[in-house]
Amino acid sequence: MSASGTTDLLAVINTQAPFATSHGKDALDLALIFGSYEQPVSLFFIGDGVFQLINHCDGARLSIKDYCKTFPALSFYDIENLYICEDSAKARGLQPDNFIDDAQLVSNAVFKAQLSKHKFVLTF
């Protein structure tokens, strides 16, 4: 832990629905770059960003390359911290079993606490 109390280098906050913009893919690409260089990175999903981690996310229906299929493979890059805001999920009618296995559905307080452990925060 550094003197500032942070334990991880980068937090990436995802706020956009998949395929609505390129933000989700850009956030994932950034995380993969950090992971490939063994830099600590965590991904946070809030608002419509929670839809990026639902099971069976399929961009093929929109004729778009489906980057969401990459999320379950993040552990190969040592990216294991995927946090979903429980309030955002509930507001969108989503249940814990709607999400990929590697994601952690956490309360708003835990979400904020985990986020505060990071030195840098980027929002997409």
Protein backbone atom coordinates (compact mmCIF):
# COMPACT_ATOMS: atom_id res chain seq x y z
CA MET A 1 0.00 0.00 0.00
CA SER A 2 1.34 3.44 -0.85
CA ALA A 3 1.50 6.41 1.51
CA SER A 4 -1.77 7.70 0.06
CA GLY A 5 -3.57 4.51 1.09
CA THR A 6 -4.04 3.19 -2.43
CA THR A 7 -3.30 -0.45 -3.19
CA ASP A 8 -3.98 -0.70 -6.91
CA LEU A 9 -2.81 1.42 -9.77
CA LEU A 10 -5.78 1.82 -12.10
CA ALA A 11 -9.55 1.67 -11.79
CA VAL A 12 -11.59 1.71 -14.98
CA ILE A 13 -15.24 2.69 -14.54
CA ASN A 14 -17.66 1.53 -17.22
CA THR A 15 -20.84 3.60 -17.44
CA GLN A 16 -22.10 2.89 -20.97
CA ALA A 17 -24.19 0.04 -22.33
CA PRO A 18 -22.32 -2.33 -24.63
CA PHE A 19 -22.39 -1.38 -28.31
CA ALA A 20 -24.02 2.03 -27.67
CA THR A 21 -20.60 3.66 -28.10
CA SER A 22 -17.02 2.43 -28.35
CA HIS A 23 -16.41 3.30 -24.69
CA GLY A 24 -16.86 -0.25 -23.41
CA LYS A 25 -14.41 -1.72 -25.89
CA ASP A 26 -11.96 1.12 -25.29
CA ALA A 27 -12.11 0.49 -21.53
CA LEU A 28 -11.55 -3.23 -22.05
CA ASP A 29 -8.62 -2.61 -24.40
CA LEU A 30 -7.02 -0.31 -21.83
CA ALA A 31 -7.44 -2.91 -19.09
CA LEU A 32 -5.90 -5.59 -21.31
CA ILE A 33 -2.90 -3.38 -22.04
CA PHE A 34 -2.31 -2.77 -18.33
CA GLY A 35 -2.84 -6.45 -17.57
CA SER A 36 -0.42 -7.59 -20.26
CA TYR A 37 2.26 -5.48 -18.58
CA GLU A 38 1.35 -6.90 -15.16
CA GLN A 39 0.03 -3.57 -13.93
CA PRO A 40 -2.77 -3.78 -11.36
CA VAL A 41 -6.14 -2.84 -12.83
CA SER A 42 -9.71 -3.25 -11.64
CA LEU A 43 -12.91 -2.81 -13.61
CA PHE A 44 -16.02 -1.18 -12.18
CA PHE A 45 -19.47 -1.25 -13.77
CA ILE A 46 -22.18 1.25 -12.87
CA GLY A 47 -25.27 2.64 -14.55
CA ASP A 48 -25.88 1.13 -17.97
CA GLY A 49 -22.31 -0.21 -17.84
CA VAL A 50 -23.63 -3.20 -15.88
CA PHE A 51 -25.06 -4.57 -19.14
CA GLN A 52 -21.51 -5.24 -20.37
CA LEU A 53 -21.18 -8.18 -17.97
CA ILE A 54 -24.48 -9.95 -18.56
CA ASN A 55 -24.36 -13.57 -19.68
CA HIS A 56 -24.91 -14.09 -23.37
CA CYS A 57 -24.16 -10.50 -24.36
CA ASP A 58 -24.29 -10.72 -28.15
CA GLY A 59 -23.17 -8.00 -30.53
CA ALA A 60 -23.75 -10.24 -33.54
CA ARG A 61 -27.40 -9.25 -33.53
CA LEU A 62 -26.26 -5.71 -34.27
CA SER A 63 -23.57 -6.83 -36.74
CA ILE A 64 -20.92 -5.63 -34.28
CA LYS A 65 -17.88 -7.56 -33.08
CA ASP A 66 -18.75 -8.83 -29.61
CA TYR A 67 -16.03 -7.64 -27.24
CA CYS A 68 -18.08 -8.76 -24.20
CA LYS A 69 -16.96 -12.34 -24.76
CA THR A 70 -13.49 -11.23 -23.64
CA PHE A 71 -14.53 -10.40 -20.07
CA PRO A 72 -14.48 -14.04 -18.83
CA ALA A 73 -10.88 -14.32 -20.10
CA LEU A 74 -9.57 -11.39 -18.06
CA SER A 75 -8.20 -13.72 -15.38
CA PHE A 76 -5.56 -14.82 -17.92
CA TYR A 77 -4.25 -11.25 -17.69
CA ASP A 78 -4.43 -11.32 -13.88
CA ILE A 79 -7.40 -8.96 -13.98
CA GLU A 80 -9.63 -10.45 -11.35
CA ASN A 81 -11.42 -7.47 -9.82
CA LEU A 82 -14.70 -6.91 -11.66
CA TYR A 83 -17.15 -4.96 -9.51
CA ILE A 84 -20.81 -4.42 -10.40
CA CYS A 85 -22.84 -1.81 -8.56
CA GLU A 86 -25.74 -3.71 -7.02
CA ASP A 87 -28.00 -0.63 -7.04
CA SER A 88 -27.45 -0.17 -10.79
CA ALA A 89 -28.19 -3.83 -11.46
CA LYS A 90 -31.38 -3.78 -9.40
CA ALA A 91 -32.56 -0.56 -11.06
CA ARG A 92 -32.29 -2.35 -14.40
CA GLY A 93 -34.08 -5.50 -13.24
CA LEU A 94 -30.93 -7.63 -13.26
CA GLN A 95 -30.25 -10.45 -10.81
CA PRO A 96 -26.89 -11.92 -9.70
CA ASP A 97 -27.33 -14.92 -12.02
CA ASN A 98 -27.59 -12.57 -15.03
CA PHE A 99 -23.85 -11.80 -14.82
CA ILE A 100 -20.69 -13.66 -15.77
CA ASP A 101 -19.20 -15.76 -12.98
CA ASP A 102 -16.07 -13.66 -12.48
CA ALA A 103 -17.98 -10.48 -11.61
CA GLN A 104 -18.72 -9.41 -8.04
CA LEU A 105 -22.08 -7.79 -7.36
CA VAL A 106 -21.38 -5.37 -4.50
CA SER A 107 -23.26 -2.78 -2.49
CA ASN A 108 -22.79 0.90 -3.22
CA ALA A 109 -20.66 1.26 -0.07
CA VAL A 110 -18.33 -1.60 -1.07
CA PHE A 111 -18.18 -0.27 -4.64
CA LYS A 112 -17.00 3.13 -3.35
CA ALA A 113 -14.59 1.56 -0.86
CA GLN A 114 -12.95 -0.59 -3.52
CA LEU A 115 -12.76 2.34 -5.91
CA SER A 116 -11.02 4.49 -3.30
CA LYS A 117 -8.13 2.01 -3.15
CA HIS A 118 -6.92 3.02 -6.62
CA LYS A 119 -4.37 5.65 -7.48
CA PHE A 120 -5.83 6.50 -10.91
CA VAL A 121 -9.45 6.36 -12.05
CA LEU A 122 -10.61 6.54 -15.67
CA THR A 123 -14.28 6.70 -16.59
CA PHE A 124 -15.67 5.49 -19.90
